[in-house]
């Protein structure tokens, strides 16, 4: 695993925890216990956390301090969990969020025309 974020603006100084396993959409990944889920995902090359409800657009880390909702995912069955401020624990089950569920959209196309 590559270099970690040593200091988070909200969570403070990050001490490197032990390496733990968690799943993302059924795939086993590893991260450091206590680091933000979003940081563990980024180290594993995951940049998309959710897709918007109306236009099915990908979203990932934006503010990284818990103010926006771009990084929300389903964590241990709870939708809309802000992964940028939620600490990683052994065995967490994380799922990409599609609108407000873990079920991918049928056609992958926007359900509404983009606003001009």
N, C-alpha and C. Protein backbone atom coordinates (compact mmCIF):
# COMPACT_ATOMS: atom_id res chain seq x y z
N UNK A 1 0.85 -1.17 0.00
CA UNK A 1 0.00 0.00 0.00
C UNK A 1 0.90 1.24 0.00
N UNK A 2 0.47 2.26 -0.71
CA UNK A 2 1.30 3.46 -0.85
C UNK A 2 1.14 4.38 0.36
N UNK A 3 1.75 5.52 0.27
CA UNK A 3 1.78 6.49 1.36
C UNK A 3 0.37 6.93 1.78
N UNK A 4 0.20 7.13 3.06
CA UNK A 4 -1.07 7.52 3.64
C UNK A 4 -1.16 9.03 3.85
N UNK A 5 -2.36 9.50 4.14
CA UNK A 5 -2.57 10.90 4.48
C UNK A 5 -2.20 11.05 5.96
N UNK A 6 -1.13 11.80 6.28
CA UNK A 6 -0.68 11.87 7.67
C UNK A 6 -1.54 12.76 8.57
N UNK A 7 -2.18 13.79 7.99
CA UNK A 7 -3.00 14.69 8.80
C UNK A 7 -4.25 15.08 8.03
N UNK A 8 -5.41 14.86 8.63
CA UNK A 8 -6.70 15.17 8.03
C UNK A 8 -7.21 16.45 8.68
N UNK A 9 -7.78 17.40 7.90
CA UNK A 9 -8.21 18.67 8.48
C UNK A 9 -9.31 18.55 9.54
N UNK A 10 -10.09 17.50 9.52
CA UNK A 10 -11.15 17.31 10.51
C UNK A 10 -10.76 16.25 11.54
N UNK A 11 -10.20 15.14 11.09
CA UNK A 11 -9.89 14.02 11.97
C UNK A 11 -8.56 14.17 12.69
N UNK A 12 -7.73 15.12 12.29
CA UNK A 12 -6.45 15.36 12.94
C UNK A 12 -5.34 14.47 12.43
N UNK A 13 -4.30 14.33 13.25
CA UNK A 13 -3.14 13.52 12.90
C UNK A 13 -3.57 12.06 12.82
N UNK A 14 -3.21 11.43 11.72
CA UNK A 14 -3.58 10.04 11.49
C UNK A 14 -2.41 9.12 11.80
N UNK A 15 -2.57 8.29 12.81
CA UNK A 15 -1.55 7.29 13.12
C UNK A 15 -1.87 6.06 12.27
N UNK A 16 -0.83 5.48 11.71
CA UNK A 16 -1.04 4.31 10.86
C UNK A 16 -1.47 3.13 11.72
N UNK A 17 -2.67 2.66 11.47
CA UNK A 17 -3.19 1.49 12.18
C UNK A 17 -2.75 0.21 11.52
N UNK A 18 -3.16 -0.90 12.10
CA UNK A 18 -2.81 -2.20 11.52
C UNK A 18 -3.56 -2.38 10.20
N UNK A 19 -3.02 -3.20 9.35
CA UNK A 19 -3.64 -3.47 8.06
C UNK A 19 -4.84 -4.39 8.28
N UNK A 20 -5.98 -3.98 7.74
CA UNK A 20 -7.22 -4.75 7.88
C UNK A 20 -7.82 -5.00 6.50
N UNK A 21 -8.67 -6.01 6.42
CA UNK A 21 -9.38 -6.32 5.18
C UNK A 21 -10.81 -5.81 5.26
N UNK A 22 -11.32 -5.37 4.11
CA UNK A 22 -12.72 -4.94 3.98
C UNK A 22 -13.16 -5.29 2.58
N UNK A 23 -14.45 -5.23 2.31
CA UNK A 23 -14.91 -5.53 0.95
C UNK A 23 -15.54 -4.30 0.32
N UNK A 24 -15.35 -4.19 -0.98
CA UNK A 24 -16.01 -3.18 -1.80
C UNK A 24 -16.71 -3.93 -2.91
N UNK A 25 -18.03 -3.88 -2.89
CA UNK A 25 -18.84 -4.57 -3.90
C UNK A 25 -18.42 -6.03 -4.04
N UNK A 26 -18.11 -6.66 -2.91
CA UNK A 26 -17.77 -8.07 -2.89
C UNK A 26 -16.29 -8.39 -3.10
N UNK A 27 -15.49 -7.40 -3.47
CA UNK A 27 -14.05 -7.60 -3.70
C UNK A 27 -13.29 -7.25 -2.42
N UNK A 28 -12.39 -8.12 -1.98
CA UNK A 28 -11.62 -7.88 -0.77
C UNK A 28 -10.46 -6.93 -1.05
N UNK A 29 -10.38 -5.89 -0.22
CA UNK A 29 -9.31 -4.89 -0.30
C UNK A 29 -8.68 -4.75 1.08
N UNK A 30 -7.58 -4.01 1.14
CA UNK A 30 -6.93 -3.77 2.43
C UNK A 30 -6.71 -2.29 2.64
N UNK A 31 -6.73 -1.90 3.91
CA UNK A 31 -6.46 -0.53 4.30
C UNK A 31 -5.93 -0.52 5.72
N UNK A 32 -5.67 0.66 6.23
CA UNK A 32 -5.17 0.79 7.60
C UNK A 32 -6.33 1.13 8.53
N UNK A 33 -6.46 0.37 9.58
CA UNK A 33 -7.53 0.57 10.55
C UNK A 33 -7.51 2.01 11.05
N UNK A 34 -8.69 2.63 11.08
CA UNK A 34 -8.84 3.98 11.59
C UNK A 34 -8.72 5.08 10.56
N UNK A 35 -8.11 4.79 9.41
CA UNK A 35 -8.03 5.83 8.39
C UNK A 35 -9.41 6.01 7.77
N UNK A 36 -9.70 7.19 7.18
CA UNK A 36 -10.99 7.36 6.52
C UNK A 36 -11.18 6.30 5.42
N UNK A 37 -12.38 5.78 5.30
CA UNK A 37 -12.68 4.80 4.24
C UNK A 37 -12.25 5.34 2.89
N UNK A 38 -12.53 6.61 2.63
CA UNK A 38 -12.19 7.21 1.33
C UNK A 38 -10.69 7.14 1.06
N UNK A 39 -9.86 7.30 2.09
CA UNK A 39 -8.41 7.22 1.91
C UNK A 39 -8.00 5.79 1.55
N UNK A 40 -8.60 4.81 2.21
CA UNK A 40 -8.30 3.41 1.91
C UNK A 40 -8.73 3.07 0.48
N UNK A 41 -9.86 3.59 0.06
CA UNK A 41 -10.33 3.34 -1.30
C UNK A 41 -9.39 3.97 -2.32
N UNK A 42 -8.98 5.22 -2.06
CA UNK A 42 -8.08 5.92 -2.98
C UNK A 42 -6.77 5.15 -3.15
N UNK A 43 -6.19 4.68 -2.06
CA UNK A 43 -4.95 3.91 -2.12
C UNK A 43 -5.13 2.65 -2.97
N UNK A 44 -6.35 2.11 -2.97
CA UNK A 44 -6.66 0.91 -3.75
C UNK A 44 -7.12 1.25 -5.17
N UNK A 45 -7.02 2.52 -5.57
CA UNK A 45 -7.35 2.93 -6.92
C UNK A 45 -8.82 3.19 -7.19
N UNK A 46 -9.64 3.26 -6.14
CA UNK A 46 -11.08 3.48 -6.30
C UNK A 46 -11.36 4.98 -6.23
N UNK A 47 -11.85 5.54 -7.31
CA UNK A 47 -12.15 6.97 -7.35
C UNK A 47 -13.65 7.27 -7.39
N UNK A 48 -14.47 6.31 -7.82
CA UNK A 48 -15.91 6.52 -7.90
C UNK A 48 -16.57 5.86 -6.69
N UNK A 49 -17.33 6.65 -5.94
CA UNK A 49 -18.00 6.16 -4.75
C UNK A 49 -19.50 5.99 -4.96
N UNK A 50 -20.06 6.83 -5.81
CA UNK A 50 -21.50 6.76 -6.04
C UNK A 50 -21.82 7.31 -7.43
N UNK A 51 -23.08 7.08 -7.84
CA UNK A 51 -23.60 7.64 -9.08
C UNK A 51 -24.86 8.42 -8.74
N UNK A 52 -25.02 9.60 -9.33
CA UNK A 52 -26.17 10.45 -9.01
C UNK A 52 -27.47 9.81 -9.49
N UNK A 53 -28.54 10.12 -8.76
CA UNK A 53 -29.85 9.54 -9.04
C UNK A 53 -30.40 9.94 -10.41
N UNK A 54 -30.39 11.23 -10.71
CA UNK A 54 -31.05 11.69 -11.94
C UNK A 54 -30.24 11.46 -13.20
N UNK A 55 -28.96 11.77 -13.17
CA UNK A 55 -28.18 11.70 -14.40
C UNK A 55 -27.12 10.59 -14.39
N UNK A 56 -27.08 9.81 -13.33
CA UNK A 56 -26.18 8.66 -13.22
C UNK A 56 -24.72 9.05 -13.40
N UNK A 57 -24.35 10.22 -12.92
CA UNK A 57 -22.98 10.69 -13.05
C UNK A 57 -22.14 10.23 -11.88
N UNK A 58 -20.88 9.86 -12.13
CA UNK A 58 -20.01 9.38 -11.05
C UNK A 58 -19.58 10.51 -10.12
N UNK A 59 -19.44 10.16 -8.87
CA UNK A 59 -18.95 11.10 -7.85
C UNK A 59 -17.95 10.38 -6.97
N UNK A 60 -17.02 11.14 -6.41
CA UNK A 60 -16.01 10.59 -5.52
C UNK A 60 -15.64 11.61 -4.47
N UNK A 61 -14.40 11.62 -4.05
CA UNK A 61 -13.98 12.58 -3.03
C UNK A 61 -14.01 13.99 -3.61
N UNK A 62 -14.62 14.91 -2.87
CA UNK A 62 -14.63 16.31 -3.29
C UNK A 62 -14.06 17.18 -2.18
N UNK A 63 -14.77 17.30 -1.08
CA UNK A 63 -14.29 18.18 0.00
C UNK A 63 -13.39 17.45 0.98
N UNK A 64 -13.61 16.16 1.19
CA UNK A 64 -12.83 15.32 2.11
C UNK A 64 -12.91 15.75 3.57
N UNK A 65 -13.92 16.55 3.92
CA UNK A 65 -14.09 16.96 5.31
C UNK A 65 -15.52 16.78 5.81
N UNK A 66 -16.34 16.04 5.08
CA UNK A 66 -17.69 15.72 5.53
C UNK A 66 -18.75 16.77 5.28
N UNK A 67 -18.45 17.78 4.48
CA UNK A 67 -19.42 18.85 4.23
C UNK A 67 -20.31 18.58 3.02
N UNK A 68 -19.78 17.94 1.99
CA UNK A 68 -20.58 17.64 0.80
C UNK A 68 -21.07 16.20 0.90
N UNK A 69 -21.69 15.71 -0.14
CA UNK A 69 -22.16 14.31 -0.12
C UNK A 69 -21.61 13.52 -1.30
N UNK A 70 -20.55 14.00 -1.91
CA UNK A 70 -20.03 13.31 -3.09
C UNK A 70 -19.43 11.94 -2.77
N UNK A 71 -18.92 11.74 -1.57
CA UNK A 71 -18.25 10.48 -1.24
C UNK A 71 -19.15 9.47 -0.53
N UNK A 72 -20.46 9.73 -0.48
CA UNK A 72 -21.32 8.80 0.27
C UNK A 72 -21.39 7.45 -0.41
N UNK A 73 -21.43 6.42 0.45
CA UNK A 73 -21.53 5.03 -0.01
C UNK A 73 -22.38 4.27 0.99
N UNK A 74 -22.68 3.03 0.66
CA UNK A 74 -23.40 2.17 1.59
C UNK A 74 -22.35 1.42 2.40
N UNK A 75 -22.34 1.65 3.71
CA UNK A 75 -21.35 1.04 4.59
C UNK A 75 -22.07 0.18 5.62
N UNK A 76 -21.79 -1.10 5.60
CA UNK A 76 -22.45 -2.05 6.50
C UNK A 76 -23.97 -1.90 6.46
N UNK A 77 -24.49 -1.72 5.24
CA UNK A 77 -25.93 -1.65 5.03
C UNK A 77 -26.54 -0.27 5.22
N UNK A 78 -25.76 0.71 5.62
CA UNK A 78 -26.27 2.06 5.87
C UNK A 78 -25.93 2.97 4.68
N UNK A 79 -26.95 3.42 3.92
CA UNK A 79 -26.68 4.31 2.78
C UNK A 79 -26.29 5.71 3.26
N UNK A 80 -25.73 6.48 2.36
CA UNK A 80 -25.37 7.88 2.60
C UNK A 80 -24.34 8.07 3.70
N UNK A 81 -23.44 7.10 3.86
CA UNK A 81 -22.35 7.22 4.84
C UNK A 81 -21.23 8.01 4.20
N UNK A 82 -20.80 9.07 4.86
CA UNK A 82 -19.72 9.92 4.35
C UNK A 82 -18.38 9.22 4.59
N UNK A 83 -17.84 8.69 3.52
CA UNK A 83 -16.63 7.86 3.66
C UNK A 83 -15.38 8.67 3.96
N UNK A 84 -15.42 9.97 3.75
CA UNK A 84 -14.24 10.78 4.00
C UNK A 84 -13.99 11.01 5.49
N UNK A 85 -15.01 10.78 6.33
CA UNK A 85 -14.84 10.99 7.78
C UNK A 85 -15.20 9.75 8.59
N UNK A 86 -15.51 8.65 7.93
CA UNK A 86 -15.85 7.41 8.63
C UNK A 86 -14.61 6.52 8.70
N UNK A 87 -14.16 6.19 9.92
CA UNK A 87 -12.95 5.37 10.07
C UNK A 87 -13.16 3.93 9.59
N UNK A 88 -12.13 3.40 8.96
CA UNK A 88 -12.14 2.02 8.47
C UNK A 88 -11.97 1.04 9.64
N UNK A 89 -12.75 -0.04 9.60
CA UNK A 89 -12.63 -1.13 10.58
C UNK A 89 -12.53 -2.45 9.84
N UNK A 90 -11.96 -3.41 10.50
CA UNK A 90 -11.84 -4.77 9.95
C UNK A 90 -13.22 -5.29 9.55
N UNK A 91 -13.31 -5.86 8.34
CA UNK A 91 -14.52 -6.54 7.90
C UNK A 91 -15.65 -5.67 7.39
N UNK A 92 -15.43 -4.37 7.27
CA UNK A 92 -16.51 -3.50 6.77
C UNK A 92 -16.95 -3.96 5.38
N UNK A 93 -18.26 -3.84 5.15
CA UNK A 93 -18.83 -4.17 3.84
C UNK A 93 -19.24 -2.84 3.21
N UNK A 94 -18.53 -2.44 2.17
CA UNK A 94 -18.76 -1.16 1.52
C UNK A 94 -19.29 -1.43 0.12
N UNK A 95 -20.29 -0.64 -0.27
CA UNK A 95 -20.91 -0.82 -1.59
C UNK A 95 -21.01 0.52 -2.30
N UNK A 96 -20.79 0.48 -3.61
CA UNK A 96 -21.02 1.66 -4.44
C UNK A 96 -22.50 2.01 -4.33
N UNK A 97 -22.78 3.29 -4.26
CA UNK A 97 -24.17 3.73 -4.11
C UNK A 97 -24.69 4.25 -5.45
N UNK A 98 -25.84 3.75 -5.86
CA UNK A 98 -26.52 4.17 -7.09
C UNK A 98 -27.79 4.89 -6.70
N UNK A 99 -27.79 6.22 -6.78
CA UNK A 99 -28.91 6.97 -6.23
C UNK A 99 -28.89 6.78 -4.73
N UNK A 100 -29.83 6.01 -4.20
CA UNK A 100 -29.84 5.72 -2.76
C UNK A 100 -29.79 4.22 -2.48
N UNK A 101 -29.37 3.43 -3.48
CA UNK A 101 -29.32 1.99 -3.26
C UNK A 101 -28.00 1.39 -3.78
N UNK A 102 -27.86 0.10 -3.58
CA UNK A 102 -26.67 -0.61 -4.06
C UNK A 102 -26.95 -1.31 -5.39
N UNK A 103 -28.12 -1.08 -5.96
CA UNK A 103 -28.51 -1.73 -7.21
C UNK A 103 -28.13 -0.83 -8.39
N UNK A 104 -27.22 -1.30 -9.26
CA UNK A 104 -26.83 -0.48 -10.42
C UNK A 104 -28.03 -0.14 -11.30
N UNK A 105 -27.94 1.00 -11.95
CA UNK A 105 -29.00 1.42 -12.86
C UNK A 105 -29.10 0.44 -14.01
N UNK A 106 -30.30 0.28 -14.56
CA UNK A 106 -30.54 -0.70 -15.62
C UNK A 106 -29.74 -0.45 -16.89
N UNK A 107 -29.81 0.77 -17.40
CA UNK A 107 -29.21 1.04 -18.71
C UNK A 107 -27.94 1.87 -18.65
N UNK A 108 -27.62 2.41 -17.49
CA UNK A 108 -26.44 3.24 -17.36
C UNK A 108 -26.57 4.62 -17.97
N UNK A 109 -27.76 4.94 -18.47
CA UNK A 109 -27.98 6.24 -19.10
C UNK A 109 -28.75 7.15 -18.16
N UNK A 110 -28.60 8.48 -18.34
CA UNK A 110 -29.35 9.41 -17.50
C UNK A 110 -30.86 9.19 -17.62
N UNK A 111 -31.56 9.39 -16.51
CA UNK A 111 -33.02 9.26 -16.52
C UNK A 111 -33.66 10.60 -16.85
N UNK A 112 -32.89 11.66 -16.81
CA UNK A 112 -33.41 13.00 -17.15
C UNK A 112 -32.38 13.68 -18.04
N UNK A 113 -32.86 14.53 -18.91
CA UNK A 113 -31.95 15.27 -19.80
C UNK A 113 -31.14 16.25 -18.97
N UNK A 114 -29.85 16.41 -19.29
CA UNK A 114 -29.04 17.39 -18.54
C UNK A 114 -29.59 18.79 -18.70
N UNK A 115 -29.53 19.57 -17.63
CA UNK A 115 -30.00 20.97 -17.69
C UNK A 115 -29.01 21.79 -18.48
N UNK A 116 -29.54 22.70 -19.28
CA UNK A 116 -28.67 23.58 -20.11
C UNK A 116 -28.64 24.96 -19.54
